[in-house]
PDB file of N, CA and C in Angstrom:
ATOM      1  N   UNK A   1      53.050 135.002  20.082  1.00  0.00           N
ATOM      2  CA  UNK A   1      51.794 135.401  19.495  1.00  0.00           C
ATOM      3  C   UNK A   1      50.623 135.047  20.425  1.00  0.00           C
ATOM      4  N   UNK A   2      50.739 133.902  21.101  1.00  0.00           N
ATOM      5  CA  UNK A   2      49.673 133.472  22.010  1.00  0.00           C
ATOM      6  C   UNK A   2      49.520 134.463  23.165  1.00  0.00           C
ATOM      7  N   UNK A   3      50.653 134.961  23.674  1.00  0.00           N
ATOM      8  CA  UNK A   3      50.593 135.917  24.786  1.00  0.00           C
ATOM      9  C   UNK A   3      49.960 137.228  24.346  1.00  0.00           C
ATOM     10  N   UNK A   4      50.243 137.670  23.126  1.00  0.00           N
ATOM     11  CA  UNK A   4      49.660 138.916  22.615  1.00  0.00           C
ATOM     12  C   UNK A   4      48.141 138.765  22.522  1.00  0.00           C
ATOM     13  N   UNK A   5      47.678 137.629  22.037  1.00  0.00           N
ATOM     14  CA  UNK A   5      46.240 137.380  21.935  1.00  0.00           C
ATOM     15  C   UNK A   5      45.586 137.389  23.314  1.00  0.00           C
ATOM     16  N   UNK A   6      46.264 136.813  24.311  1.00  0.00           N
ATOM     17  CA  UNK A   6      45.726 136.811  25.674  1.00  0.00           C
ATOM     18  C   UNK A   6      45.613 138.230  26.226  1.00  0.00           C
ATOM     19  N   UNK A   7      46.626 139.044  25.973  1.00  0.00           N
ATOM     20  CA  UNK A   7      46.586 140.435  26.433  1.00  0.00           C
ATOM     21  C   UNK A   7      45.436 141.162  25.747  1.00  0.00           C
ATOM     22  N   UNK A   8      45.294 140.975  24.445  1.00  0.00           N
ATOM     23  CA  UNK A   8      44.216 141.629  23.696  1.00  0.00           C
ATOM     24  C   UNK A   8      42.858 141.231  24.258  1.00  0.00           C
ATOM     25  N   UNK A   9      42.665 139.927  24.535  1.00  0.00           N
ATOM     26  CA  UNK A   9      41.387 139.453  25.067  1.00  0.00           C
ATOM     27  C   UNK A   9      41.082 140.073  26.428  1.00  0.00           C
ATOM     28  N   UNK A  10      42.119 140.359  27.206  1.00  0.00           N
ATOM     29  CA  UNK A  10      41.869 140.963  28.515  1.00  0.00           C
ATOM     30  C   UNK A  10      41.553 142.453  28.398  1.00  0.00           C
ATOM     31  N   UNK A  11      41.879 143.059  27.256  1.00  0.00           N
ATOM     32  CA  UNK A  11      41.620 144.489  27.057  1.00  0.00           C
ATOM     33  C   UNK A  11      40.247 144.767  26.462  1.00  0.00           C
ATOM     34  N   UNK A  12      39.761 143.871  25.622  1.00  0.00           N
ATOM     35  CA  UNK A  12      38.489 144.110  24.949  1.00  0.00           C
ATOM     36  C   UNK A  12      37.554 142.927  25.146  1.00  0.00           C
ATOM     37  N   UNK A  13      36.269 143.203  25.183  1.00  0.00           N
ATOM     38  CA  UNK A  13      35.259 142.160  25.328  1.00  0.00           C
ATOM     39  C   UNK A  13      34.725 141.724  23.966  1.00  0.00           C
ATOM     40  N   UNK A  14      34.796 142.616  22.989  1.00  0.00           N
ATOM     41  CA  UNK A  14      34.258 142.363  21.664  1.00  0.00           C
ATOM     42  C   UNK A  14      35.421 142.388  20.673  1.00  0.00           C
ATOM     43  N   UNK A  15      35.551 141.363  19.855  1.00  0.00           N
ATOM     44  CA  UNK A  15      36.686 141.284  18.917  1.00  0.00           C
ATOM     45  C   UNK A  15      36.724 142.454  17.935  1.00  0.00           C
ATOM     46  N   UNK A  16      35.584 143.070  17.673  1.00  0.00           N
ATOM     47  CA  UNK A  16      35.541 144.195  16.735  1.00  0.00           C
ATOM     48  C   UNK A  16      35.915 145.513  17.398  1.00  0.00           C
ATOM     49  N   UNK A  17      36.006 145.503  18.717  1.00  0.00           N
ATOM     50  CA  UNK A  17      36.334 146.712  19.465  1.00  0.00           C
ATOM     51  C   UNK A  17      37.807 147.062  19.263  1.00  0.00           C
ATOM     52  N   UNK A  18      38.091 148.344  19.123  1.00  0.00           N
ATOM     53  CA  UNK A  18      39.468 148.800  18.957  1.00  0.00           C
ATOM     54  C   UNK A  18      40.094 149.048  20.321  1.00  0.00           C
ATOM     55  N   UNK A  19      41.381 148.793  20.410  1.00  0.00           N
ATOM     56  CA  UNK A  19      42.128 149.072  21.636  1.00  0.00           C
ATOM     57  C   UNK A  19      42.710 150.470  21.504  1.00  0.00           C
ATOM     58  N   UNK A  20      42.259 151.361  22.355  1.00  0.00           N
ATOM     59  CA  UNK A  20      42.800 152.715  22.343  1.00  0.00           C
ATOM     60  C   UNK A  20      44.013 152.762  23.261  1.00  0.00           C
ATOM     61  N   UNK A  21      44.819 153.777  23.104  1.00  0.00           N
ATOM     62  CA  UNK A  21      45.967 153.927  23.991  1.00  0.00           C
ATOM     63  C   UNK A  21      45.501 154.087  25.436  1.00  0.00           C
ATOM     64  N   UNK A  22      44.393 154.778  25.633  1.00  0.00           N
ATOM     65  CA  UNK A  22      43.861 154.974  26.993  1.00  0.00           C
ATOM     66  C   UNK A  22      43.496 153.625  27.626  1.00  0.00           C
ATOM     67  N   UNK A  23      42.857 152.723  26.848  1.00  0.00           N
ATOM     68  CA  UNK A  23      42.521 151.394  27.372  1.00  0.00           C
ATOM     69  C   UNK A  23      43.785 150.626  27.737  1.00  0.00           C
ATOM     70  N   UNK A  24      44.762 150.687  26.822  1.00  0.00           N
ATOM     71  CA  UNK A  24      46.019 149.974  27.040  1.00  0.00           C
ATOM     72  C   UNK A  24      46.733 150.516  28.273  1.00  0.00           C
ATOM     73  N   UNK A  25      46.825 151.843  28.375  1.00  0.00           N
ATOM     74  CA  UNK A  25      47.507 152.460  29.509  1.00  0.00           C
ATOM     75  C   UNK A  25      46.807 152.119  30.821  1.00  0.00           C
ATOM     76  N   UNK A  26      45.497 152.158  30.835  1.00  0.00           N
ATOM     77  CA  UNK A  26      44.738 151.854  32.049  1.00  0.00           C
ATOM     78  C   UNK A  26      44.965 150.407  32.492  1.00  0.00           C
ATOM     79  N   UNK A  27      44.985 149.493  31.526  1.00  0.00           N
ATOM     80  CA  UNK A  27      45.163 148.073  31.850  1.00  0.00           C
ATOM     81  C   UNK A  27      46.543 147.778  32.418  1.00  0.00           C
ATOM     82  N   UNK A  28      47.551 148.525  31.995  1.00  0.00           N
ATOM     83  CA  UNK A  28      48.919 148.226  32.411  1.00  0.00           C
ATOM     84  C   UNK A  28      49.536 149.269  33.331  1.00  0.00           C
ATOM     85  N   UNK A  29      48.744 150.244  33.759  1.00  0.00           N
ATOM     86  CA  UNK A  29      49.252 151.286  34.647  1.00  0.00           C
ATOM     87  C   UNK A  29      49.569 150.724  36.022  1.00  0.00           C
ATOM     88  N   UNK A  30      48.707 149.843  36.509  1.00  0.00           N
ATOM     89  CA  UNK A  30      48.897 149.342  37.865  1.00  0.00           C
ATOM     90  C   UNK A  30      50.128 148.458  37.937  1.00  0.00           C
ATOM     91  N   UNK A  31      50.798 148.531  39.063  1.00  0.00           N
ATOM     92  CA  UNK A  31      51.953 147.693  39.290  1.00  0.00           C
ATOM     93  C   UNK A  31      51.489 146.382  39.885  1.00  0.00           C
ATOM     94  N   UNK A  32      52.428 145.527  40.154  1.00  0.00           N
ATOM     95  CA  UNK A  32      52.108 144.230  40.748  1.00  0.00           C
ATOM     96  C   UNK A  32      51.338 144.451  42.046  1.00  0.00           C
ATOM     97  N   UNK A  33      50.284 143.658  42.275  1.00  0.00           N
ATOM     98  CA  UNK A  33      49.483 143.850  43.485  1.00  0.00           C
ATOM     99  C   UNK A  33      50.319 143.708  44.751  1.00  0.00           C
ATOM    100  N   UNK A  34      49.976 144.482  45.751  1.00  0.00           N
ATOM    101  CA  UNK A  34      50.654 144.364  47.037  1.00  0.00           C
ATOM    102  C   UNK A  34      50.220 143.079  47.717  1.00  0.00           C
ATOM    103  N   UNK A  35      50.916 142.707  48.764  1.00  0.00           N
ATOM    104  CA  UNK A  35      50.597 141.477  49.482  1.00  0.00           C
ATOM    105  C   UNK A  35      49.158 141.485  49.986  1.00  0.00           C
ATOM    106  N   UNK A  36      48.717 142.616  50.551  1.00  0.00           N
ATOM    107  CA  UNK A  36      47.349 142.678  51.075  1.00  0.00           C
ATOM    108  C   UNK A  36      46.329 142.634  49.940  1.00  0.00           C
ATOM    109  N   UNK A  37      46.620 143.307  48.816  1.00  0.00           N
ATOM    110  CA  UNK A  37      45.712 143.262  47.673  1.00  0.00           C
ATOM    111  C   UNK A  37      45.638 141.839  47.133  1.00  0.00           C
ATOM    112  N   UNK A  38      46.788 141.176  47.093  1.00  0.00           N
ATOM    113  CA  UNK A  38      46.815 139.802  46.600  1.00  0.00           C
ATOM    114  C   UNK A  38      45.903 138.921  47.446  1.00  0.00           C
ATOM    115  N   UNK A  39      46.007 139.051  48.756  1.00  0.00           N
ATOM    116  CA  UNK A  39      45.182 138.237  49.657  1.00  0.00           C
ATOM    117  C   UNK A  39      43.706 138.591  49.553  1.00  0.00           C
ATOM    118  N   UNK A  40      43.405 139.878  49.550  1.00  0.00           N
ATOM    119  CA  UNK A  40      41.997 140.279  49.612  1.00  0.00           C
ATOM    120  C   UNK A  40      41.290 140.260  48.267  1.00  0.00           C
ATOM    121  N   UNK A  41      42.015 140.488  47.188  1.00  0.00           N
ATOM    122  CA  UNK A  41      41.375 140.583  45.880  1.00  0.00           C
ATOM    123  C   UNK A  41      41.591 139.313  45.053  1.00  0.00           C
ATOM    124  N   UNK A  42      42.834 138.973  44.804  1.00  0.00           N
ATOM    125  CA  UNK A  42      43.142 137.880  43.890  1.00  0.00           C
ATOM    126  C   UNK A  42      42.662 136.530  44.440  1.00  0.00           C
ATOM    127  N   UNK A  43      43.077 136.205  45.635  1.00  0.00           N
ATOM    128  CA  UNK A  43      42.684 134.915  46.220  1.00  0.00           C
ATOM    129  C   UNK A  43      41.165 134.855  46.396  1.00  0.00           C
ATOM    130  N   UNK A  44      40.559 135.969  46.814  1.00  0.00           N
ATOM    131  CA  UNK A  44      39.109 135.985  46.987  1.00  0.00           C
ATOM    132  C   UNK A  44      38.379 135.707  45.675  1.00  0.00           C
ATOM    133  N   UNK A  45      38.842 136.310  44.583  1.00  0.00           N
ATOM    134  CA  UNK A  45      38.190 136.090  43.288  1.00  0.00           C
ATOM    135  C   UNK A  45      38.307 134.630  42.851  1.00  0.00           C
ATOM    136  N   UNK A  46      39.457 134.028  43.090  1.00  0.00           N
ATOM    137  CA  UNK A  46      39.632 132.621  42.729  1.00  0.00           C
ATOM    138  C   UNK A  46      38.698 131.755  43.571  1.00  0.00           C
ATOM    139  N   UNK A  47      38.645 132.034  44.860  1.00  0.00           N
ATOM    140  CA  UNK A  47      37.754 131.259  45.740  1.00  0.00           C
ATOM    141  C   UNK A  47      36.292 131.458  45.373  1.00  0.00           C
ATOM    142  N   UNK A  48      35.899 132.678  45.022  1.00  0.00           N
ATOM    143  CA  UNK A  48      34.521 132.944  44.610  1.00  0.00           C
ATOM    144  C   UNK A  48      34.175 132.179  43.338  1.00  0.00           C
ATOM    145  N   UNK A  49      35.110 132.145  42.379  1.00  0.00           N
ATOM    146  CA  UNK A  49      34.909 131.394  41.147  1.00  0.00           C
ATOM    147  C   UNK A  49      34.713 129.912  41.462  1.00  0.00           C
ATOM    148  N   UNK A  50      35.544 129.374  42.346  1.00  0.00           N
ATOM    149  CA  UNK A  50      35.433 127.966  42.718  1.00  0.00           C
ATOM    150  C   UNK A  50      34.099 127.700  43.430  1.00  0.00           C
ATOM    151  N   UNK A  51      33.727 128.567  44.349  1.00  0.00           N
ATOM    152  CA  UNK A  51      32.485 128.395  45.100  1.00  0.00           C
ATOM    153  C   UNK A  51      31.269 128.482  44.165  1.00  0.00           C
ATOM    154  N   UNK A  52      31.270 129.495  43.294  1.00  0.00           N
ATOM    155  CA  UNK A  52      30.158 129.699  42.359  1.00  0.00           C
ATOM    156  C   UNK A  52      29.955 128.483  41.460  1.00  0.00           C
ATOM    157  N   UNK A  53      31.048 127.851  41.081  1.00  0.00           N
ATOM    158  CA  UNK A  53      30.981 126.697  40.184  1.00  0.00           C
ATOM    159  C   UNK A  53      31.030 125.362  40.923  1.00  0.00           C
ATOM    160  N   UNK A  54      30.986 125.425  42.266  1.00  0.00           N
ATOM    161  CA  UNK A  54      30.987 124.224  43.113  1.00  0.00           C
ATOM    162  C   UNK A  54      32.168 123.314  42.794  1.00  0.00           C
ATOM    163  N   UNK A  55      33.374 123.910  42.777  1.00  0.00           N
ATOM    164  CA  UNK A  55      34.579 123.178  42.423  1.00  0.00           C
ATOM    165  C   UNK A  55      35.487 122.981  43.634  1.00  0.00           C
ATOM    166  N   UNK A  56      35.971 121.775  43.799  1.00  0.00           N
ATOM    167  CA  UNK A  56      37.033 121.559  44.781  1.00  0.00           C
ATOM    168  C   UNK A  56      38.322 122.083  44.160  1.00  0.00           C
ATOM    169  N   UNK A  57      39.366 122.157  44.930  1.00  0.00           N
ATOM    170  CA  UNK A  57      40.640 122.649  44.412  1.00  0.00           C
ATOM    171  C   UNK A  57      41.131 121.774  43.260  1.00  0.00           C
ATOM    172  N   UNK A  58      41.050 120.467  43.430  1.00  0.00           N
ATOM    173  CA  UNK A  58      41.522 119.543  42.395  1.00  0.00           C
ATOM    174  C   UNK A  58      40.685 119.654  41.124  1.00  0.00           C
ATOM    175  N   UNK A  59      39.377 119.738  41.255  1.00  0.00           N
ATOM    176  CA  UNK A  59      38.497 119.847  40.084  1.00  0.00           C
ATOM    177  C   UNK A  59      38.682 121.207  39.405  1.00  0.00           C
ATOM    178  N   UNK A  60      38.907 122.253  40.188  1.00  0.00           N
ATOM    179  CA  UNK A  60      39.156 123.579  39.612  1.00  0.00           C
ATOM    180  C   UNK A  60      40.416 123.561  38.755  1.00  0.00           C
ATOM    181  N   UNK A  61      41.485 122.939  39.268  1.00  0.00           N
ATOM    182  CA  UNK A  61      42.731 122.870  38.495  1.00  0.00           C
ATOM    183  C   UNK A  61      42.527 122.035  37.235  1.00  0.00           C
ATOM    184  N   UNK A  62      41.800 120.939  37.344  1.00  0.00           N
ATOM    185  CA  UNK A  62      41.508 120.107  36.181  1.00  0.00           C
ATOM    186  C   UNK A  62      40.724 120.915  35.142  1.00  0.00           C
ATOM    187  N   UNK A  63      39.782 121.735  35.595  1.00  0.00           N
ATOM    188  CA  UNK A  63      39.003 122.578  34.695  1.00  0.00           C
ATOM    189  C   UNK A  63      39.899 123.581  33.970  1.00  0.00           C
ATOM    190  N   UNK A  64      40.852 124.170  34.703  1.00  0.00           N
ATOM    191  CA  UNK A  64      41.798 125.101  34.081  1.00  0.00           C
ATOM    192  C   UNK A  64      42.639 124.381  33.038  1.00  0.00           C
ATOM    193  N   UNK A  65      43.112 123.182  33.368  1.00  0.00           N
ATOM    194  CA  UNK A  65      43.917 122.415  32.412  1.00  0.00           C
ATOM    195  C   UNK A  65      43.125 122.116  31.147  1.00  0.00           C
ATOM    196  N   UNK A  66      41.884 121.660  31.307  1.00  0.00           N
ATOM    197  CA  UNK A  66      41.039 121.355  30.145  1.00  0.00           C
ATOM    198  C   UNK A  66      40.796 122.600  29.303  1.00  0.00           C
ATOM    199  N   UNK A  67      40.596 123.749  29.959  1.00  0.00           N
ATOM    200  CA  UNK A  67      40.362 125.001  29.228  1.00  0.00           C
ATOM    201  C   UNK A  67      41.571 125.407  28.397  1.00  0.00           C
ATOM    202  N   UNK A  68      42.751 124.974  28.829  1.00  0.00           N
ATOM    203  CA  UNK A  68      43.984 125.294  28.103  1.00  0.00           C
ATOM    204  C   UNK A  68      44.371 124.178  27.130  1.00  0.00           C
ATOM    205  N   UNK A  69      43.480 123.179  26.984  1.00  0.00           N
ATOM    206  CA  UNK A  69      43.762 122.086  26.068  1.00  0.00           C
ATOM    207  C   UNK A  69      44.701 121.035  26.624  1.00  0.00           C
ATOM    208  N   UNK A  70      44.874 121.038  27.938  1.00  0.00           N
ATOM    209  CA  UNK A  70      45.777 120.076  28.596  1.00  0.00           C
ATOM    210  C   UNK A  70      44.942 118.943  29.187  1.00  0.00           C
ATOM    211  N   UNK A  71      44.597 117.961  28.362  1.00  0.00           N
ATOM    212  CA  UNK A  71      43.708 116.882  28.797  1.00  0.00           C
ATOM    213  C   UNK A  71      44.451 115.739  29.461  1.00  0.00           C
ATOM    214  N   UNK A  72      45.678 115.484  29.054  1.00  0.00           N
ATOM    215  CA  UNK A  72      46.447 114.370  29.607  1.00  0.00           C
ATOM    216  C   UNK A  72      47.452 114.870  30.632  1.00  0.00           C
ATOM    217  N   UNK A  73      48.342 115.743  30.199  1.00  0.00           N
ATOM    218  CA  UNK A  73      49.358 116.273  31.108  1.00  0.00           C
ATOM    219  C   UNK A  73      48.742 117.403  31.918  1.00  0.00           C
ATOM    220  N   UNK A  74      48.648 117.215  33.200  1.00  0.00           N
ATOM    221  CA  UNK A  74      47.980 118.190  34.075  1.00  0.00           C
ATOM    222  C   UNK A  74      48.984 119.182  34.655  1.00  0.00           C
ATOM    223  N   UNK A  75      49.482 120.054  33.795  1.00  0.00           N
ATOM    224  CA  UNK A  75      50.341 121.159  34.212  1.00  0.00           C
ATOM    225  C   UNK A  75      50.106 122.304  33.240  1.00  0.00           C
ATOM    226  N   UNK A  76      50.387 123.525  33.690  1.00  0.00           N
ATOM    227  CA  UNK A  76      50.113 124.713  32.882  1.00  0.00           C
ATOM    228  C   UNK A  76      51.318 125.633  32.847  1.00  0.00           C
ATOM    229  N   UNK A  77      51.717 126.043  31.645  1.00  0.00           N
ATOM    230  CA  UNK A  77      52.727 127.088  31.518  1.00  0.00           C
ATOM    231  C   UNK A  77      52.055 128.424  31.806  1.00  0.00           C
ATOM    232  N   UNK A  78      52.830 129.464  31.919  1.00  0.00           N
ATOM    233  CA  UNK A  78      52.251 130.779  32.199  1.00  0.00           C
ATOM    234  C   UNK A  78      51.244 131.205  31.125  1.00  0.00           C
ATOM    235  N   UNK A  79      51.561 131.082  29.817  1.00  0.00           N
ATOM    236  CA  UNK A  79      50.550 131.462  28.810  1.00  0.00           C
ATOM    237  C   UNK A  79      49.297 130.582  28.867  1.00  0.00           C
ATOM    238  N   UNK A  80      49.464 129.299  29.139  1.00  0.00           N
ATOM    239  CA  UNK A  80      48.310 128.409  29.259  1.00  0.00           C
ATOM    240  C   UNK A  80      47.460 128.780  30.467  1.00  0.00           C
ATOM    241  N   UNK A  81      48.123 129.155  31.568  1.00  0.00           N
ATOM    242  CA  UNK A  81      47.402 129.567  32.772  1.00  0.00           C
ATOM    243  C   UNK A  81      46.591 130.828  32.490  1.00  0.00           C
ATOM    244  N   UNK A  82      47.192 131.793  31.779  1.00  0.00           N
ATOM    245  CA  UNK A  82      46.461 133.011  31.375  1.00  0.00           C
ATOM    246  C   UNK A  82      45.232 132.643  30.556  1.00  0.00           C
ATOM    247  N   UNK A  83      45.436 131.786  29.556  1.00  0.00           N
ATOM    248  CA  UNK A  83      44.337 131.376  28.673  1.00  0.00           C
ATOM    249  C   UNK A  83      43.214 130.736  29.479  1.00  0.00           C
ATOM    250  N   UNK A  84      43.567 129.859  30.404  1.00  0.00           N
ATOM    251  CA  UNK A  84      42.570 129.152  31.202  1.00  0.00           C
ATOM    252  C   UNK A  84      41.815 130.096  32.137  1.00  0.00           C
ATOM    253  N   UNK A  85      42.527 131.018  32.764  1.00  0.00           N
ATOM    254  CA  UNK A  85      41.874 131.958  33.688  1.00  0.00           C
ATOM    255  C   UNK A  85      40.903 132.869  32.937  1.00  0.00           C
ATOM    256  N   UNK A  86      41.284 133.306  31.739  1.00  0.00           N
ATOM    257  CA  UNK A  86      40.404 134.149  30.932  1.00  0.00           C
ATOM    258  C   UNK A  86      39.203 133.331  30.449  1.00  0.00           C
ATOM    259  N   UNK A  87      39.454 132.119  29.962  1.00  0.00           N
ATOM    260  CA  UNK A  87      38.379 131.263  29.452  1.00  0.00           C
ATOM    261  C   UNK A  87      37.362 130.917  30.536  1.00  0.00           C
ATOM    262  N   UNK A  88      37.823 130.776  31.773  1.00  0.00           N
ATOM    263  CA  UNK A  88      36.927 130.429  32.883  1.00  0.00           C
ATOM    264  C   UNK A  88      36.312 131.655  33.549  1.00  0.00           C
ATOM    265  N   UNK A  89      36.638 132.829  33.027  1.00  0.00           N
ATOM    266  CA  UNK A  89      36.061 134.092  33.511  1.00  0.00           C
ATOM    267  C   UNK A  89      36.204 134.249  35.025  1.00  0.00           C
ATOM    268  N   UNK A  90      37.448 134.038  35.497  1.00  0.00           N
ATOM    269  CA  UNK A  90      37.721 134.186  36.928  1.00  0.00           C
ATOM    270  C   UNK A  90      37.649 135.656  37.332  1.00  0.00           C
ATOM    271  N   UNK A  91      37.921 136.563  36.413  1.00  0.00           N
ATOM    272  CA  UNK A  91      37.780 137.992  36.688  1.00  0.00           C
ATOM    273  C   UNK A  91      39.047 138.677  37.157  1.00  0.00           C
ATOM    274  N   UNK A  92      40.205 138.127  36.786  1.00  0.00           N
ATOM    275  CA  UNK A  92      41.473 138.732  37.174  1.00  0.00           C
ATOM    276  C   UNK A  92      42.105 139.455  35.991  1.00  0.00           C
ATOM    277  N   UNK A  93      42.833 140.520  36.284  1.00  0.00           N
ATOM    278  CA  UNK A  93      43.565 141.236  35.239  1.00  0.00           C
ATOM    279  C   UNK A  93      44.809 140.426  34.866  1.00  0.00           C
ATOM    280  N   UNK A  94      45.445 140.799  33.758  1.00  0.00           N
ATOM    281  CA  UNK A  94      46.666 140.120  33.322  1.00  0.00           C
ATOM    282  C   UNK A  94      47.748 140.193  34.392  1.00  0.00           C
ATOM    283  N   UNK A  95      47.884 141.339  35.028  1.00  0.00           N
ATOM    284  CA  UNK A  95      48.887 141.514  36.084  1.00  0.00           C
ATOM    285  C   UNK A  95      48.563 140.614  37.276  1.00  0.00           C
ATOM    286  N   UNK A  96      47.292 140.534  37.642  1.00  0.00           N
ATOM    287  CA  UNK A  96      46.897 139.678  38.764  1.00  0.00           C
ATOM    288  C   UNK A  96      47.134 138.205  38.444  1.00  0.00           C
ATOM    289  N   UNK A  97      46.865 137.795  37.204  1.00  0.00           N
ATOM    290  CA  UNK A  97      47.110 136.407  36.811  1.00  0.00           C
ATOM    291  C   UNK A  97      48.602 136.105  36.872  1.00  0.00           C
ATOM    292  N   UNK A  98      49.429 137.024  36.374  1.00  0.00           N
ATOM    293  CA  UNK A  98      50.885 136.844  36.452  1.00  0.00           C
ATOM    294  C   UNK A  98      51.358 136.721  37.895  1.00  0.00           C
ATOM    295  N   UNK A  99      50.838 137.570  38.756  1.00  0.00           N
ATOM    296  CA  UNK A  99      51.225 137.545  40.169  1.00  0.00           C
ATOM    297  C   UNK A  99      50.803 136.237  40.820  1.00  0.00           C
ATOM    298  N   UNK A 100      49.606 135.784  40.511  1.00  0.00           N
ATOM    299  CA  UNK A 100      49.119 134.516  41.041  1.00  0.00           C
ATOM    300  C   UNK A 100      50.023 133.374  40.586  1.00  0.00           C
ATOM    301  N   UNK A 101      50.343 133.352  39.303  1.00  0.00           N
ATOM    302  CA  UNK A 101      51.210 132.299  38.764  1.00  0.00           C
ATOM    303  C   UNK A 101      52.580 132.327  39.440  1.00  0.00           C
ATOM    304  N   UNK A 102      53.148 133.510  39.561  1.00  0.00           N
ATOM    305  CA  UNK A 102      54.475 133.637  40.179  1.00  0.00           C
ATOM    306  C   UNK A 102      54.461 133.205  41.645  1.00  0.00           C
ATOM    307  N   UNK A 103      53.370 133.501  42.355  1.00  0.00           N
ATOM    308  CA  UNK A 103      53.279 133.131  43.763  1.00  0.00           C
ATOM    309  C   UNK A 103      53.007 131.644  43.968  1.00  0.00           C
ATOM    310  N   UNK A 104      52.460 130.986  42.966  1.00  0.00           N
ATOM    311  CA  UNK A 104      52.087 129.583  43.132  1.00  0.00           C
ATOM    312  C   UNK A 104      53.114 128.607  42.586  1.00  0.00           C
ATOM    313  N   UNK A 105      54.043 129.075  41.772  1.00  0.00           N
ATOM    314  CA  UNK A 105      55.059 128.182  41.217  1.00  0.00           C
ATOM    315  C   UNK A 105      56.396 128.438  41.891  1.00  0.00           C
ATOM    316  N   UNK A 106      57.265 127.429  41.838  1.00  0.00           N
ATOM    317  CA  UNK A 106      58.570 127.573  42.478  1.00  0.00           C
ATOM    318  C   UNK A 106      59.416 128.638  41.799  1.00  0.00           C
ATOM    319  N   UNK A 107      59.266 128.775  40.501  1.00  0.00           N
ATOM    320  CA  UNK A 107      59.856 129.906  39.777  1.00  0.00           C
ATOM    321  C   UNK A 107      58.947 130.214  38.597  1.00  0.00           C
ATOM    322  N   UNK A 108      59.018 131.417  38.119  1.00  0.00           N
ATOM    323  CA  UNK A 108      58.053 131.900  37.121  1.00  0.00           C
ATOM    324  C   UNK A 108      58.145 131.174  35.780  1.00  0.00           C
ATOM    325  N   UNK A 109      59.187 130.339  35.576  1.00  0.00           N
ATOM    326  CA  UNK A 109      59.324 129.640  34.304  1.00  0.00           C
ATOM    327  C   UNK A 109      58.879 128.187  34.376  1.00  0.00           C
ATOM    328  N   UNK A 110      58.659 127.672  35.569  1.00  0.00           N
ATOM    329  CA  UNK A 110      58.217 126.284  35.735  1.00  0.00           C
ATOM    330  C   UNK A 110      56.725 126.165  35.480  1.00  0.00           C
ATOM    331  N   UNK A 111      56.296 125.062  34.851  1.00  0.00           N
ATOM    332  CA  UNK A 111      54.854 124.848  34.707  1.00  0.00           C
ATOM    333  C   UNK A 111      54.190 124.652  36.064  1.00  0.00           C
ATOM    334  N   UNK A 112      52.952 125.096  36.172  1.00  0.00           N
ATOM    335  CA  UNK A 112      52.188 124.932  37.406  1.00  0.00           C
ATOM    336  C   UNK A 112      51.550 123.546  37.393  1.00  0.00           C
ATOM    337  N   UNK A 113      51.640 122.853  38.522  1.00  0.00           N
ATOM    338  CA  UNK A 113      50.987 121.546  38.641  1.00  0.00           C
ATOM    339  C   UNK A 113      49.972 121.611  39.790  1.00  0.00           C
ATOM    340  N   UNK A 114      49.234 120.538  39.979  1.00  0.00           N
ATOM    341  CA  UNK A 114      48.214 120.500  41.019  1.00  0.00           C
ATOM    342  C   UNK A 114      48.804 120.780  42.400  1.00  0.00           C
ATOM    343  N   UNK A 115      49.992 120.265  42.658  1.00  0.00           N
ATOM    344  CA  UNK A 115      50.649 120.494  43.962  1.00  0.00           C
ATOM    345  C   UNK A 115      50.858 122.000  44.210  1.00  0.00           C
ATOM    346  N   UNK A 116      51.222 122.748  43.148  1.00  0.00           N
ATOM    347  CA  UNK A 116      51.409 124.198  43.276  1.00  0.00           C
ATOM    348  C   UNK A 116      50.075 124.890  43.535  1.00  0.00           C
ATOM    349  N   UNK A 117      49.042 124.431  42.847  1.00  0.00           N
ATOM    350  CA  UNK A 117      47.709 125.016  42.916  1.00  0.00           C
ATOM    351  C   UNK A 117      47.160 124.860  44.308  1.00  0.00           C
TER     352      UNK A 117
END
């Protein structure tokens, strides 16, 4: 249920807004970003978010953890990472967030820790 809510939040800006099939199709039409797109778009957006908010890598990860409600244990599951990226308005699509998570963790099912980040 948490993942469905995250997908919905990435599709609409206003909770009263309806999700049309066209919106849904547009959001999920693109395939996983290519290596060059990942480098030029995804990593750049994360770095811009960090720069804009004057965050070091460690403080940025701590901010993501806090946004996902992880105050003590500093690691993020994939749904928590999605929630944190959306809450911090990094500006990535659901597919880009998934790709980032998969590229930063040893496997897509392991929680992300500061070392991965």
